[in-house]
Amino acid sequence: MFGNLIAMVVDKSPAIEKILTSILLDQLRFHQVISANSATDAAQLLKSGAKVDMIVSSWDFDDSTAEALLSDIRHKPGAAYTPFILMTKDTSEQFLVKAFKAGVTEYIQKPFKPEDLTKAIMAVAVAKGSERRQAPRYMGKKRNRIVMKFGKTAAYSGTLVDLSTGGMMVRTSQFMQNPVNIYDSATITLYAEPNITIEVKSEVRRMEPDVNSLPDRTIIRVAFMFTSVDAVNMQKLLELIETLKPDIPEIVGAE
């Protein structure tokens, strides 16, 4: 339904984060969900270059409140109008006036049902539109090794072709152990130097022969779309992309 949009979930409860991610990915079919367990982590991700179309967040955290996060967002070029859906137990007039003045777009009262979140997202997404974000891709390095796990048993290795915050292209051998199809889910672990390990949830979007290996058709390229990335791994992903940027002067594609 919202396959072109990227959402950020900000909540200190892993259980709530898991439920929200499931609703956004499985029911509403968001393109990607980035998660953070504090307003500070969320603000750092945005400052580091993470791009999102919508934020679903609680208000109070151990280190800060969403008010500080909102202040950063509303003063950030290109993010001033990013929809912000607040999850809160406090629905008093005094609190809600404060929240909306801070920049909240919509709110839902805790505890809530999945349909409550859906209604709030529908309300702000219609105004936001569903134009796909074009994330620059950067060429990988030969030493960037990839491990792809499908389900509990099938695991394959490959090398990184190119990378963006929304997905990656991987060079690998044909999937002979267990067949892999378009839209299959995979957990990808990316190993980069020095001692960088990044793990993301993803989905297969395209498979094609590797043109550099033809006529050998046992080597293929697989395009993955990232579906779920937590704050720690997104930060490492952004830092890795910074190291790849000098390798090419221009964008080589878009995810």
Protein backbone atom coordinates (compact mmCIF):
# COMPACT_ATOMS: atom_id res chain seq x y z
CA MET A 1 0.00 0.00 0.00
CA PHE A 2 2.85 2.38 0.90
CA GLY A 3 5.60 0.55 -0.96
CA ASN A 4 7.44 3.75 -1.81
CA LEU A 5 7.71 5.13 1.72
CA ILE A 6 10.33 4.77 4.46
CA ALA A 7 9.18 4.98 8.08
CA MET A 8 11.13 5.49 11.29
CA VAL A 9 9.86 3.94 14.53
CA VAL A 10 11.12 5.48 17.77
CA ASP A 11 10.23 3.65 20.98
CA LYS A 12 12.23 2.34 23.94
CA SER A 13 10.20 -0.88 24.11
CA PRO A 14 11.52 -3.66 21.82
CA ALA A 15 8.07 -5.30 21.94
CA ILE A 16 6.28 -2.18 20.70
CA GLU A 17 8.96 -1.60 18.06
CA LYS A 18 8.48 -5.16 16.80
CA ILE A 19 4.69 -4.78 16.62
CA LEU A 20 4.91 -1.45 14.80
CA THR A 21 7.48 -2.78 12.33
CA SER A 22 5.24 -5.76 11.59
CA ILE A 23 2.23 -3.53 10.93
CA LEU A 24 4.19 -1.16 8.72
CA LEU A 25 5.92 -3.87 6.68
CA ASP A 26 3.44 -6.75 6.60
CA GLN A 27 0.10 -4.96 6.62
CA LEU A 28 0.82 -1.57 5.07
CA ARG A 29 3.72 -2.73 2.88
CA PHE A 30 6.09 0.14 3.61
CA HIS A 31 9.30 0.10 1.60
CA GLN A 32 11.49 0.13 4.72
CA VAL A 33 11.35 0.63 8.50
CA ILE A 34 14.24 2.15 10.45
CA SER A 35 14.05 1.72 14.22
CA ALA A 36 15.57 3.68 17.11
CA ASN A 37 15.07 3.17 20.83
CA SER A 38 15.52 6.81 21.84
CA ALA A 39 14.95 10.31 20.51
CA THR A 40 18.71 10.89 20.70
CA ASP A 41 19.46 7.88 18.47
CA ALA A 42 16.77 8.96 16.00
CA ALA A 43 18.15 12.51 15.82
CA GLN A 44 21.67 11.18 15.26
CA LEU A 45 20.52 8.94 12.42
CA LEU A 46 18.78 11.85 10.70
CA LYS A 47 21.84 14.07 11.16
CA SER A 48 24.01 11.31 9.68
CA GLY A 49 21.91 11.27 6.51
CA ALA A 50 19.10 8.77 7.05
CA LYS A 51 16.10 9.75 4.91
CA VAL A 52 12.56 9.00 6.08
CA ASP A 53 9.08 9.85 4.84
CA MET A 54 7.30 9.42 8.17
CA ILE A 55 8.11 9.07 11.87
CA VAL A 56 6.06 7.14 14.45
CA SER A 57 7.33 7.91 17.94
CA SER A 58 6.56 7.89 21.64
CA TRP A 59 7.12 11.10 23.64
CA ASP A 60 9.16 10.26 26.72
CA PHE A 61 12.54 8.52 26.71
CA ASP A 62 15.19 7.93 29.35
CA ASP A 63 17.53 10.53 27.87
CA SER A 64 15.19 13.05 26.26
CA THR A 65 11.73 13.64 24.81
CA ALA A 66 10.35 13.68 21.29
CA GLU A 67 10.12 17.45 21.63
CA ALA A 68 13.89 17.71 21.14
CA LEU A 69 13.73 15.37 18.15
CA LEU A 70 10.93 17.42 16.63
CA SER A 71 12.91 20.61 17.06
CA ASP A 72 15.78 19.09 15.08
CA ILE A 73 13.46 17.84 12.35
CA ARG A 74 11.46 21.03 11.93
CA HIS A 75 14.65 23.08 11.52
CA LYS A 76 16.34 20.62 9.14
CA PRO A 77 16.21 21.57 5.44
CA GLY A 78 14.21 19.00 3.50
CA ALA A 79 12.66 17.47 6.64
CA ALA A 80 10.60 20.36 8.00
CA TYR A 81 7.35 18.81 6.82
CA THR A 82 8.07 15.16 7.58
CA PRO A 83 4.88 13.68 9.11
CA PHE A 84 5.30 12.87 12.80
CA ILE A 85 2.78 10.51 14.44
CA LEU A 86 2.90 10.58 18.24
CA MET A 87 2.00 7.59 20.43
CA THR A 88 0.93 8.76 23.88
CA LYS A 89 -1.06 7.83 26.96
CA ASP A 90 -1.53 11.49 27.86
CA THR A 91 -4.35 12.94 25.76
CA SER A 92 -5.10 15.92 27.97
CA GLU A 93 -5.73 19.18 26.17
CA GLN A 94 -2.72 20.80 27.82
CA PHE A 95 -0.33 18.07 26.63
CA LEU A 96 -1.74 17.82 23.11
CA VAL A 97 -1.53 21.58 22.60
CA LYS A 98 2.14 21.37 23.61
CA ALA A 99 2.73 18.42 21.28
CA PHE A 100 1.13 20.01 18.24
CA LYS A 101 2.97 23.27 18.85
CA ALA A 102 6.21 21.27 18.89
CA GLY A 103 5.39 19.89 15.44
CA VAL A 104 3.36 16.68 15.89
CA THR A 105 1.26 15.93 12.80
CA GLU A 106 -1.10 13.31 14.22
CA TYR A 107 -1.42 11.24 17.40
CA ILE A 108 -2.78 7.91 18.59
CA GLN A 109 -3.59 7.03 22.17
CA LYS A 110 -1.82 4.16 23.91
CA PRO A 111 -2.78 1.38 24.10
CA PHE A 112 -3.96 1.28 20.51
CA LYS A 113 -5.22 -1.20 17.94
CA PRO A 114 -3.49 -1.75 14.58
CA GLU A 115 -6.38 -0.02 12.83
CA ASP A 116 -5.77 3.12 14.93
CA LEU A 117 -2.23 3.33 13.58
CA THR A 118 -3.45 2.61 10.06
CA LYS A 119 -5.98 5.47 10.20
CA ALA A 120 -3.34 7.92 11.43
CA ILE A 121 -0.88 6.85 8.74
CA MET A 122 -3.55 7.06 6.05
CA ALA A 123 -4.34 10.60 7.13
CA VAL A 124 -0.77 11.86 6.89
CA ALA A 125 0.35 9.69 3.95
CA VAL A 126 -2.32 11.07 1.64
CA ALA A 127 -0.97 14.55 2.26
CA LYS A 128 2.63 13.37 1.98
CA GLY A 129 2.14 11.47 -1.27
CA SER A 130 3.97 8.33 -2.30
CA GLU A 131 6.75 9.55 -4.58
CA ARG A 132 9.65 7.15 -4.22
CA ARG A 133 12.82 8.43 -2.66
CA GLN A 134 15.80 8.00 -4.96
CA ALA A 135 18.73 6.90 -2.80
CA PRO A 136 22.17 7.11 -4.45
CA ARG A 137 24.02 3.83 -4.84
CA TYR A 138 27.76 3.56 -4.44
CA MET A 139 30.11 0.92 -5.76
CA GLY A 140 31.23 -1.73 -3.28
CA LYS A 141 34.76 -3.02 -2.77
CA LYS A 142 36.01 -6.54 -3.44
CA ARG A 143 36.66 -7.07 0.25
CA ASN A 144 33.00 -6.35 1.15
CA ARG A 145 31.76 -9.91 1.78
CA ILE A 146 28.04 -10.72 2.03
CA VAL A 147 26.24 -13.62 3.74
CA MET A 148 22.58 -14.13 2.81
CA LYS A 149 20.34 -16.30 5.00
CA PHE A 150 16.96 -17.46 3.74
CA GLY A 151 14.89 -19.08 6.48
CA LYS A 152 16.64 -21.28 9.02
CA THR A 153 18.74 -23.47 6.75
CA ALA A 154 19.68 -21.83 3.45
CA ALA A 155 22.76 -19.59 3.55
CA TYR A 156 24.83 -18.24 0.67
CA SER A 157 27.86 -15.98 0.35
CA GLY A 158 28.65 -13.27 -2.17
CA THR A 159 30.34 -9.91 -2.69
CA LEU A 160 28.93 -6.40 -2.69
CA VAL A 161 28.37 -4.77 -6.09
CA ASP A 162 26.78 -1.53 -4.96
CA LEU A 163 25.01 -0.13 -1.90
CA SER A 164 22.52 2.50 -0.78
CA THR A 165 20.51 3.14 2.38
CA GLY A 166 17.59 1.37 0.71
CA GLY A 167 19.21 -1.73 -0.70
CA MET A 168 22.19 -3.44 -2.30
CA MET A 169 23.27 -5.46 -5.32
CA VAL A 170 25.16 -8.69 -4.56
CA ARG A 171 27.24 -10.90 -6.85
CA THR A 172 26.87 -14.58 -5.99
CA SER A 173 26.60 -18.09 -7.42
CA GLN A 174 23.28 -19.54 -8.52
CA PHE A 175 21.10 -20.56 -5.55
CA MET A 176 21.38 -24.35 -5.88
CA GLN A 177 20.94 -25.49 -2.26
CA ASN A 178 17.40 -24.14 -2.02
CA PRO A 179 15.62 -22.20 -4.77
CA VAL A 180 15.27 -18.46 -4.15
CA ASN A 181 12.48 -16.42 -5.70
CA ILE A 182 11.59 -12.76 -6.14
CA TYR A 183 10.15 -11.27 -2.91
CA ASP A 184 11.75 -13.94 -0.71
CA SER A 185 12.91 -12.53 2.63
CA ALA A 186 16.53 -12.74 3.74
CA THR A 187 18.76 -11.62 6.58
CA ILE A 188 21.89 -10.09 5.09
CA THR A 189 25.16 -9.70 6.94
CA LEU A 190 27.70 -7.38 5.31
CA TYR A 191 31.34 -7.65 6.36
CA ALA A 192 33.56 -4.65 5.65
CA GLU A 193 36.95 -3.47 6.84
CA PRO A 194 38.01 -2.61 9.44
CA ASN A 195 35.92 -5.04 11.52
CA ILE A 196 32.54 -3.68 10.41
CA THR A 197 29.55 -6.03 10.50
CA ILE A 198 26.12 -4.81 9.36
CA GLU A 199 22.93 -6.90 9.55
CA VAL A 200 19.67 -5.95 7.83
CA LYS A 201 16.36 -7.56 6.95
CA SER A 202 15.74 -7.54 3.22
CA GLU A 203 13.69 -8.81 0.30
CA VAL A 204 14.80 -10.10 -3.10
CA ARG A 205 13.65 -7.74 -5.86
CA ARG A 206 15.61 -8.80 -8.94
CA MET A 207 17.94 -11.56 -10.16
CA GLU A 208 19.95 -11.39 -13.39
CA PRO A 209 23.09 -12.87 -15.01
CA ASP A 210 26.31 -11.11 -14.06
CA VAL A 211 27.39 -9.40 -17.30
CA ASN A 212 31.04 -9.45 -16.23
CA SER A 213 30.93 -13.25 -15.93
CA LEU A 214 29.15 -14.16 -19.18
CA PRO A 215 29.00 -16.67 -20.81
CA ASP A 216 29.28 -18.34 -17.37
CA ARG A 217 25.64 -18.24 -16.20
CA THR A 218 26.37 -19.72 -12.79
CA ILE A 219 27.29 -16.24 -11.50
CA ILE A 220 24.36 -13.89 -10.94
CA ARG A 221 23.53 -10.50 -9.48
CA VAL A 222 20.77 -10.19 -6.90
CA ALA A 223 19.11 -6.89 -5.98
CA PHE A 224 17.88 -6.68 -2.39
CA MET A 225 15.56 -4.07 -0.91
CA PHE A 226 16.10 -3.39 2.80
CA THR A 227 12.89 -3.82 4.77
CA SER A 228 13.98 -3.38 8.39
CA VAL A 229 17.10 -1.71 9.82
CA ASP A 230 17.67 -0.86 13.47
CA ALA A 231 19.45 2.29 14.64
CA VAL A 232 22.83 0.66 15.28
CA ASN A 233 23.02 -1.00 11.88
CA MET A 234 21.68 2.06 10.04
CA GLN A 235 24.42 4.19 11.62
CA LYS A 236 27.07 1.69 10.53
CA LEU A 237 25.51 1.58 7.06
CA LEU A 238 25.68 5.36 6.74
CA GLU A 239 29.31 5.36 7.89
CA LEU A 240 30.23 2.63 5.39
CA ILE A 241 28.56 4.54 2.55
CA GLU A 242 30.70 7.56 3.44
CA THR A 243 33.82 5.45 2.84
CA LEU A 244 32.47 4.29 -0.53
CA LYS A 245 31.58 7.75 -1.85
CA PRO A 246 35.13 8.72 -2.93
CA ASP A 247 35.31 5.59 -5.09
CA ILE A 248 33.03 7.05 -7.77
CA PRO A 249 32.30 10.66 -8.75
CA GLU A 250 28.65 10.13 -9.68
CA ILE A 251 25.58 8.15 -8.72
CA VAL A 252 25.55 4.78 -10.44
CA GLY A 253 21.90 3.99 -9.84
CA ALA A 254 19.02 4.41 -7.45
CA GLU A 255 17.25 2.03 -5.10
